[in-house]
Amino acid sequence: MNKIKRFVLDILKKDTNYKSLIPYTVDYKDSKVPGSFGGVCTYSLFKSKIYIKEKYINDVGLLRHEITHAKQFGRLWIIHTTLYSLSSTYRLFMELEAYREQVKAYNYKKGLDYSWIIDALYNKYNLEMSKESIQIYADYMFYDIIKR
């Protein structure tokens, strides 16, 4: 892992309890969430909208995951959506940050398996990298939460 990527991951590992510059709303609607995803965050110029499948109405982790995406958009606005679309590395880092918040909500204990995150990142996000590479970044990002 090069120094720049490690630096970015270190920043993302910090507490993401910052306020979004853009307001967001949450709605539970299956029809707005594509395929095998549990939720999605959409953006307009002045607002983010989070949609979560109804069966996940009590899933605080998924809600935190999507709120993290709304906050990410609030940090960089249109630059975020452009980078997320064009850069698989940026997309990986943003998803790792969101999954980190999701995992924190589930109160994972030492040694618990999180291969479902690696599978999701590999199969759903078009990251153009191997599962092994994704695993390396995830291990680094989640080390202090899961390996304690």
N, C-alpha and C. Protein backbone atom coordinates (compact mmCIF):
# COMPACT_ATOMS: atom_id res chain seq x y z
N MET A 1 0.87 -1.17 0.00
CA MET A 1 0.00 0.00 0.00
C MET A 1 0.91 1.23 0.00
N ASN A 2 0.70 2.11 -0.98
CA ASN A 2 1.60 3.28 -1.03
C ASN A 2 1.23 4.32 0.03
N LYS A 3 2.13 5.29 0.22
CA LYS A 3 1.97 6.26 1.31
C LYS A 3 0.73 7.13 1.15
N ILE A 4 0.40 7.52 -0.07
CA ILE A 4 -0.78 8.37 -0.29
C ILE A 4 -2.05 7.61 0.09
N LYS A 5 -2.16 6.36 -0.36
CA LYS A 5 -3.36 5.58 -0.04
C LYS A 5 -3.45 5.35 1.47
N ARG A 6 -2.33 5.08 2.13
CA ARG A 6 -2.34 4.89 3.59
C ARG A 6 -2.77 6.18 4.29
N PHE A 7 -2.30 7.33 3.79
CA PHE A 7 -2.66 8.63 4.36
C PHE A 7 -4.17 8.85 4.25
N VAL A 8 -4.74 8.60 3.08
CA VAL A 8 -6.18 8.77 2.88
C VAL A 8 -6.95 7.83 3.80
N LEU A 9 -6.55 6.58 3.88
CA LEU A 9 -7.24 5.64 4.75
C LEU A 9 -7.15 6.05 6.21
N ASP A 10 -6.01 6.59 6.62
CA ASP A 10 -5.87 7.08 8.00
C ASP A 10 -6.86 8.20 8.29
N ILE A 11 -7.04 9.09 7.33
CA ILE A 11 -8.02 10.17 7.51
C ILE A 11 -9.42 9.59 7.64
N LEU A 12 -9.76 8.63 6.79
CA LEU A 12 -11.10 8.05 6.80
C LEU A 12 -11.37 7.22 8.06
N LYS A 13 -10.32 6.72 8.70
CA LYS A 13 -10.49 5.95 9.92
C LYS A 13 -10.85 6.83 11.11
N LYS A 14 -10.63 8.11 11.00
CA LYS A 14 -10.99 9.03 12.08
C LYS A 14 -12.51 9.03 12.23
N ASP A 15 -12.97 9.55 13.33
CA ASP A 15 -14.40 9.61 13.59
C ASP A 15 -15.09 10.43 12.50
N THR A 16 -16.12 9.85 11.88
CA THR A 16 -16.84 10.55 10.82
C THR A 16 -18.11 11.20 11.37
N ASN A 17 -18.08 11.61 12.59
CA ASN A 17 -19.23 12.22 13.22
C ASN A 17 -19.26 13.73 12.94
N TYR A 18 -19.06 14.08 11.70
CA TYR A 18 -19.10 15.48 11.30
C TYR A 18 -20.47 15.78 10.70
N LYS A 19 -20.83 17.03 10.67
CA LYS A 19 -22.11 17.41 10.09
C LYS A 19 -21.96 17.57 8.58
N SER A 20 -22.99 17.18 7.87
CA SER A 20 -22.98 17.34 6.42
C SER A 20 -23.34 18.78 6.08
N LEU A 21 -22.68 19.32 5.09
CA LEU A 21 -23.02 20.66 4.62
C LEU A 21 -24.32 20.66 3.83
N ILE A 22 -24.71 19.50 3.38
CA ILE A 22 -25.92 19.32 2.57
C ILE A 22 -26.93 18.55 3.42
N PRO A 23 -28.17 19.02 3.51
CA PRO A 23 -29.17 18.25 4.26
C PRO A 23 -29.51 16.94 3.54
N TYR A 24 -29.95 15.96 4.30
CA TYR A 24 -30.37 14.70 3.70
C TYR A 24 -31.65 14.23 4.36
N THR A 25 -32.42 13.44 3.62
CA THR A 25 -33.63 12.83 4.14
C THR A 25 -33.55 11.33 3.92
N VAL A 26 -34.34 10.59 4.68
CA VAL A 26 -34.35 9.13 4.59
C VAL A 26 -35.77 8.67 4.29
N ASP A 27 -35.89 7.73 3.35
CA ASP A 27 -37.19 7.17 3.00
C ASP A 27 -37.01 5.66 2.78
N TYR A 28 -37.96 4.88 3.23
CA TYR A 28 -37.91 3.43 3.08
C TYR A 28 -38.82 3.03 1.92
N LYS A 29 -38.19 2.79 0.76
CA LYS A 29 -38.92 2.48 -0.46
C LYS A 29 -38.14 1.46 -1.29
N ASP A 30 -38.68 0.27 -1.41
CA ASP A 30 -37.99 -0.78 -2.17
C ASP A 30 -37.77 -0.38 -3.63
N SER A 31 -38.72 0.30 -4.22
CA SER A 31 -38.65 0.61 -5.65
C SER A 31 -37.51 1.56 -6.02
N LYS A 32 -36.96 2.26 -5.05
CA LYS A 32 -35.88 3.23 -5.32
C LYS A 32 -34.49 2.63 -5.15
N VAL A 33 -34.41 1.39 -4.62
CA VAL A 33 -33.11 0.77 -4.34
C VAL A 33 -32.83 -0.30 -5.40
N PRO A 34 -31.74 -0.17 -6.13
CA PRO A 34 -31.46 -1.11 -7.21
C PRO A 34 -31.03 -2.50 -6.71
N GLY A 35 -31.51 -3.52 -7.42
CA GLY A 35 -31.06 -4.90 -7.29
C GLY A 35 -30.77 -5.40 -5.90
N SER A 36 -29.55 -5.88 -5.72
CA SER A 36 -29.16 -6.54 -4.47
C SER A 36 -28.66 -5.57 -3.40
N PHE A 37 -28.73 -4.29 -3.65
CA PHE A 37 -28.32 -3.31 -2.64
C PHE A 37 -29.40 -3.18 -1.58
N GLY A 38 -28.99 -2.83 -0.36
CA GLY A 38 -29.95 -2.62 0.72
C GLY A 38 -30.40 -1.18 0.81
N GLY A 39 -29.57 -0.27 0.29
CA GLY A 39 -29.90 1.14 0.31
C GLY A 39 -29.10 1.88 -0.74
N VAL A 40 -29.48 3.12 -0.95
CA VAL A 40 -28.80 3.97 -1.93
C VAL A 40 -28.93 5.42 -1.48
N CYS A 41 -27.93 6.21 -1.81
CA CYS A 41 -27.97 7.64 -1.51
C CYS A 41 -27.88 8.38 -2.83
N THR A 42 -28.88 9.21 -3.10
CA THR A 42 -28.89 10.00 -4.33
C THR A 42 -28.60 11.46 -3.98
N TYR A 43 -28.11 12.19 -4.96
CA TYR A 43 -27.68 13.56 -4.70
C TYR A 43 -28.30 14.52 -5.70
N SER A 44 -28.66 15.69 -5.22
CA SER A 44 -28.98 16.82 -6.08
C SER A 44 -28.13 17.97 -5.59
N LEU A 45 -28.22 19.09 -6.20
CA LEU A 45 -27.33 20.19 -5.87
C LEU A 45 -27.41 20.61 -4.40
N PHE A 46 -28.59 20.59 -3.82
CA PHE A 46 -28.75 21.11 -2.46
C PHE A 46 -29.27 20.10 -1.45
N LYS A 47 -29.34 18.81 -1.82
CA LYS A 47 -29.92 17.84 -0.90
C LYS A 47 -29.52 16.42 -1.30
N SER A 48 -29.33 15.58 -0.30
CA SER A 48 -29.14 14.15 -0.53
C SER A 48 -30.41 13.42 -0.09
N LYS A 49 -30.72 12.35 -0.78
CA LYS A 49 -31.89 11.55 -0.44
C LYS A 49 -31.44 10.10 -0.26
N ILE A 50 -31.72 9.55 0.89
CA ILE A 50 -31.37 8.17 1.20
C ILE A 50 -32.62 7.32 1.07
N TYR A 51 -32.50 6.23 0.30
CA TYR A 51 -33.58 5.25 0.19
C TYR A 51 -33.05 3.92 0.71
N ILE A 52 -33.85 3.26 1.54
CA ILE A 52 -33.49 1.96 2.10
C ILE A 52 -34.66 1.02 1.90
N LYS A 53 -34.35 -0.24 1.56
CA LYS A 53 -35.40 -1.23 1.40
C LYS A 53 -36.14 -1.41 2.71
N GLU A 54 -37.45 -1.61 2.61
CA GLU A 54 -38.31 -1.68 3.79
C GLU A 54 -37.90 -2.79 4.76
N LYS A 55 -37.38 -3.90 4.24
CA LYS A 55 -37.01 -5.00 5.13
C LYS A 55 -35.83 -4.63 6.04
N TYR A 56 -35.15 -3.53 5.74
CA TYR A 56 -34.02 -3.08 6.56
C TYR A 56 -34.38 -1.88 7.45
N ILE A 57 -35.64 -1.71 7.73
CA ILE A 57 -36.10 -0.54 8.48
C ILE A 57 -35.45 -0.45 9.87
N ASN A 58 -35.07 -1.58 10.46
CA ASN A 58 -34.44 -1.57 11.79
C ASN A 58 -32.93 -1.76 11.74
N ASP A 59 -32.34 -1.69 10.55
CA ASP A 59 -30.90 -1.92 10.39
C ASP A 59 -30.15 -0.59 10.55
N VAL A 60 -29.71 -0.32 11.76
CA VAL A 60 -29.02 0.94 12.06
C VAL A 60 -27.70 1.02 11.30
N GLY A 61 -27.04 -0.12 11.13
CA GLY A 61 -25.77 -0.14 10.41
C GLY A 61 -25.92 0.31 8.97
N LEU A 62 -26.93 -0.20 8.29
CA LEU A 62 -27.17 0.21 6.90
C LEU A 62 -27.52 1.69 6.82
N LEU A 63 -28.31 2.16 7.76
CA LEU A 63 -28.64 3.58 7.80
C LEU A 63 -27.38 4.43 7.98
N ARG A 64 -26.50 4.02 8.89
CA ARG A 64 -25.23 4.76 9.09
C ARG A 64 -24.37 4.73 7.83
N HIS A 65 -24.39 3.58 7.12
CA HIS A 65 -23.64 3.45 5.87
C HIS A 65 -24.11 4.52 4.87
N GLU A 66 -25.41 4.61 4.68
CA GLU A 66 -25.95 5.56 3.70
C GLU A 66 -25.80 7.01 4.16
N ILE A 67 -25.94 7.27 5.45
CA ILE A 67 -25.71 8.62 5.97
C ILE A 67 -24.26 9.03 5.72
N THR A 68 -23.34 8.09 5.85
CA THR A 68 -21.93 8.38 5.57
C THR A 68 -21.77 8.84 4.12
N HIS A 69 -22.48 8.20 3.19
CA HIS A 69 -22.43 8.65 1.79
C HIS A 69 -22.98 10.06 1.64
N ALA A 70 -24.05 10.38 2.35
CA ALA A 70 -24.60 11.74 2.29
C ALA A 70 -23.57 12.75 2.81
N LYS A 71 -22.87 12.39 3.87
CA LYS A 71 -21.84 13.28 4.42
C LYS A 71 -20.65 13.41 3.46
N GLN A 72 -20.30 12.32 2.79
CA GLN A 72 -19.22 12.37 1.81
C GLN A 72 -19.56 13.37 0.70
N PHE A 73 -20.79 13.32 0.24
CA PHE A 73 -21.24 14.27 -0.78
C PHE A 73 -21.16 15.70 -0.25
N GLY A 74 -21.52 15.88 1.01
CA GLY A 74 -21.46 17.20 1.63
C GLY A 74 -20.05 17.76 1.72
N ARG A 75 -19.05 16.88 1.79
CA ARG A 75 -17.66 17.33 1.86
C ARG A 75 -17.19 17.92 0.53
N LEU A 76 -17.56 17.28 -0.57
CA LEU A 76 -16.99 17.68 -1.87
C LEU A 76 -18.02 17.96 -2.96
N TRP A 77 -19.28 17.83 -2.68
CA TRP A 77 -20.39 18.05 -3.60
C TRP A 77 -20.16 17.37 -4.93
N ILE A 78 -20.21 18.11 -6.01
CA ILE A 78 -20.16 17.53 -7.35
C ILE A 78 -18.83 16.83 -7.63
N ILE A 79 -17.78 17.27 -6.98
CA ILE A 79 -16.48 16.60 -7.15
C ILE A 79 -16.59 15.16 -6.65
N HIS A 80 -17.32 14.95 -5.57
CA HIS A 80 -17.50 13.59 -5.03
C HIS A 80 -18.18 12.70 -6.06
N THR A 81 -19.27 13.14 -6.64
CA THR A 81 -20.00 12.29 -7.59
C THR A 81 -19.14 11.99 -8.82
N THR A 82 -18.36 12.95 -9.25
CA THR A 82 -17.48 12.73 -10.40
C THR A 82 -16.39 11.72 -10.06
N LEU A 83 -15.71 11.92 -8.94
CA LEU A 83 -14.65 10.98 -8.54
C LEU A 83 -15.22 9.59 -8.28
N TYR A 84 -16.38 9.51 -7.64
CA TYR A 84 -16.99 8.22 -7.35
C TYR A 84 -17.28 7.46 -8.64
N SER A 85 -17.73 8.17 -9.66
CA SER A 85 -18.04 7.54 -10.94
C SER A 85 -16.80 7.13 -11.72
N LEU A 86 -15.75 7.94 -11.66
CA LEU A 86 -14.60 7.74 -12.53
C LEU A 86 -13.44 6.98 -11.90
N SER A 87 -13.29 7.02 -10.60
CA SER A 87 -12.11 6.44 -9.95
C SER A 87 -12.49 5.24 -9.08
N SER A 88 -12.02 4.06 -9.46
CA SER A 88 -12.32 2.88 -8.65
C SER A 88 -11.62 2.96 -7.29
N THR A 89 -10.47 3.60 -7.21
CA THR A 89 -9.78 3.75 -5.93
C THR A 89 -10.58 4.67 -5.00
N TYR A 90 -11.05 5.80 -5.53
CA TYR A 90 -11.87 6.70 -4.73
C TYR A 90 -13.14 5.99 -4.28
N ARG A 91 -13.78 5.25 -5.20
CA ARG A 91 -15.01 4.53 -4.87
C ARG A 91 -14.73 3.52 -3.75
N LEU A 92 -13.62 2.80 -3.84
CA LEU A 92 -13.26 1.85 -2.78
C LEU A 92 -13.12 2.56 -1.44
N PHE A 93 -12.39 3.67 -1.41
CA PHE A 93 -12.18 4.39 -0.16
C PHE A 93 -13.50 4.90 0.43
N MET A 94 -14.39 5.39 -0.41
CA MET A 94 -15.67 5.90 0.08
C MET A 94 -16.53 4.76 0.62
N GLU A 95 -16.52 3.62 -0.06
CA GLU A 95 -17.29 2.47 0.42
C GLU A 95 -16.69 1.92 1.71
N LEU A 96 -15.37 1.87 1.80
CA LEU A 96 -14.74 1.41 3.05
C LEU A 96 -15.11 2.31 4.22
N GLU A 97 -15.13 3.61 3.98
CA GLU A 97 -15.54 4.54 5.04
C GLU A 97 -16.98 4.26 5.47
N ALA A 98 -17.86 4.04 4.50
CA ALA A 98 -19.27 3.77 4.80
C ALA A 98 -19.44 2.41 5.50
N TYR A 99 -18.75 1.39 5.02
CA TYR A 99 -18.83 0.08 5.68
C TYR A 99 -18.23 0.13 7.08
N ARG A 100 -17.22 0.96 7.27
CA ARG A 100 -16.64 1.12 8.61
C ARG A 100 -17.70 1.61 9.59
N GLU A 101 -18.48 2.60 9.18
CA GLU A 101 -19.56 3.10 10.04
C GLU A 101 -20.63 2.04 10.26
N GLN A 102 -20.90 1.27 9.24
CA GLN A 102 -21.89 0.20 9.35
C GLN A 102 -21.43 -0.85 10.36
N VAL A 103 -20.19 -1.28 10.24
CA VAL A 103 -19.63 -2.29 11.14
C VAL A 103 -19.61 -1.78 12.59
N LYS A 104 -19.29 -0.51 12.78
CA LYS A 104 -19.29 0.06 14.14
C LYS A 104 -20.67 -0.05 14.78
N ALA A 105 -21.70 0.12 13.98
CA ALA A 105 -23.07 0.04 14.51
C ALA A 105 -23.42 -1.38 14.93
N TYR A 106 -22.78 -2.38 14.33
CA TYR A 106 -23.07 -3.78 14.66
C TYR A 106 -22.27 -4.28 15.86
N ASN A 107 -21.39 -3.45 16.42
CA ASN A 107 -20.59 -3.83 17.59
C ASN A 107 -19.84 -5.14 17.38
N TYR A 108 -19.13 -5.22 16.28
CA TYR A 108 -18.34 -6.42 15.99
C TYR A 108 -17.34 -6.68 17.10
N LYS A 109 -17.14 -7.93 17.37
CA LYS A 109 -16.17 -8.35 18.37
C LYS A 109 -14.92 -8.90 17.69
N LYS A 110 -13.88 -9.07 18.46
CA LYS A 110 -12.59 -9.55 17.95
C LYS A 110 -12.76 -10.82 17.12
N GLY A 111 -12.15 -10.80 15.94
CA GLY A 111 -12.10 -11.99 15.11
C GLY A 111 -13.36 -12.30 14.32
N LEU A 112 -14.38 -11.48 14.42
CA LEU A 112 -15.61 -11.77 13.69
C LEU A 112 -15.39 -11.60 12.19
N ASP A 113 -16.02 -12.44 11.43
CA ASP A 113 -15.85 -12.48 9.98
C ASP A 113 -16.57 -11.30 9.31
N TYR A 114 -15.90 -10.64 8.42
CA TYR A 114 -16.54 -9.59 7.63
C TYR A 114 -16.31 -9.82 6.14
N SER A 115 -16.23 -11.09 5.75
CA SER A 115 -16.03 -11.43 4.34
C SER A 115 -17.20 -10.97 3.48
N TRP A 116 -18.38 -10.78 4.07
CA TRP A 116 -19.53 -10.29 3.32
C TRP A 116 -19.26 -8.90 2.74
N ILE A 117 -18.44 -8.11 3.44
CA ILE A 117 -18.09 -6.78 2.93
C ILE A 117 -17.15 -6.92 1.73
N ILE A 118 -16.16 -7.79 1.84
CA ILE A 118 -15.23 -8.02 0.74
C ILE A 118 -16.00 -8.51 -0.47
N ASP A 119 -16.92 -9.46 -0.27
CA ASP A 119 -17.73 -9.98 -1.38
C ASP A 119 -18.56 -8.87 -2.03
N ALA A 120 -19.18 -8.04 -1.19
CA ALA A 120 -19.99 -6.94 -1.73
C ALA A 120 -19.13 -5.97 -2.53
N LEU A 121 -17.98 -5.58 -1.98
CA LEU A 121 -17.10 -4.65 -2.68
C LEU A 121 -16.62 -5.24 -4.01
N TYR A 122 -16.30 -6.50 -3.99
CA TYR A 122 -15.78 -7.16 -5.19
C TYR A 122 -16.87 -7.33 -6.26
N ASN A 123 -18.07 -7.71 -5.84
CA ASN A 123 -19.13 -8.06 -6.80
C ASN A 123 -20.04 -6.91 -7.22
N LYS A 124 -20.16 -5.87 -6.41
CA LYS A 124 -21.17 -4.84 -6.69
C LYS A 124 -20.62 -3.49 -7.13
N TYR A 125 -19.35 -3.21 -6.92
CA TYR A 125 -18.87 -1.84 -7.06
C TYR A 125 -17.89 -1.60 -8.21
N ASN A 126 -17.68 -2.58 -9.06
CA ASN A 126 -16.83 -2.41 -10.26
C ASN A 126 -15.50 -1.74 -9.91
N LEU A 127 -14.79 -2.34 -8.98
CA LEU A 127 -13.56 -1.73 -8.47
C LEU A 127 -12.32 -2.04 -9.30
N GLU A 128 -12.42 -2.99 -10.20
CA GLU A 128 -11.30 -3.33 -11.09
C GLU A 128 -10.06 -3.73 -10.29
N MET A 129 -10.26 -4.50 -9.23
CA MET A 129 -9.13 -5.02 -8.47
C MET A 129 -9.51 -6.38 -7.90
N SER A 130 -8.51 -7.13 -7.49
CA SER A 130 -8.74 -8.48 -6.98
C SER A 130 -9.35 -8.44 -5.57
N LYS A 131 -9.94 -9.56 -5.20
CA LYS A 131 -10.47 -9.69 -3.84
C LYS A 131 -9.34 -9.54 -2.82
N GLU A 132 -8.18 -10.04 -3.17
CA GLU A 132 -7.04 -9.97 -2.27
C GLU A 132 -6.63 -8.51 -2.00
N SER A 133 -6.63 -7.70 -3.05
CA SER A 133 -6.30 -6.28 -2.88
C SER A 133 -7.35 -5.57 -2.02
N ILE A 134 -8.60 -5.86 -2.28
CA ILE A 134 -9.68 -5.27 -1.49
C ILE A 134 -9.53 -5.68 -0.02
N GLN A 135 -9.18 -6.95 0.19
CA GLN A 135 -9.00 -7.47 1.55
C GLN A 135 -7.90 -6.71 2.29
N ILE A 136 -6.82 -6.38 1.61
CA ILE A 136 -5.71 -5.65 2.23
C ILE A 136 -6.18 -4.28 2.73
N TYR A 137 -6.91 -3.55 1.87
CA TYR A 137 -7.41 -2.24 2.28
C TYR A 137 -8.44 -2.36 3.40
N ALA A 138 -9.32 -3.36 3.30
CA ALA A 138 -10.34 -3.54 4.34
C ALA A 138 -9.70 -3.91 5.67
N ASP A 139 -8.71 -4.80 5.64
CA ASP A 139 -8.02 -5.16 6.88
C ASP A 139 -7.42 -3.93 7.55
N TYR A 140 -6.84 -3.07 6.76
CA TYR A 140 -6.24 -1.84 7.29
C TYR A 140 -7.33 -0.92 7.86
N MET A 141 -8.41 -0.79 7.14
CA MET A 141 -9.47 0.14 7.53
C MET A 141 -10.23 -0.33 8.77
N PHE A 142 -10.40 -1.64 8.92
CA PHE A 142 -11.21 -2.18 10.01
C PHE A 142 -10.40 -2.74 11.18
N TYR A 143 -9.09 -2.66 11.08
CA TYR A 143 -8.24 -3.32 12.07
C TYR A 143 -8.59 -2.94 13.51
N ASP A 144 -8.73 -1.67 13.78
CA ASP A 144 -8.97 -1.22 15.15
C ASP A 144 -10.37 -1.57 15.65
N ILE A 145 -11.28 -1.87 14.76
CA ILE A 145 -12.66 -2.23 15.16
C ILE A 145 -12.79 -3.73 15.40
N ILE A 146 -12.29 -4.52 14.46
CA ILE A 146 -12.56 -5.95 14.48
C ILE A 146 -11.43 -6.76 15.12
N LYS A 147 -10.23 -6.29 15.06
CA LYS A 147 -9.09 -7.08 15.55
C LYS A 147 -8.72 -6.79 16.99
N ARG A 148 -9.50 -5.96 17.68
CA ARG A 148 -9.13 -5.58 19.05
C ARG A 148 -9.32 -6.70 20.03
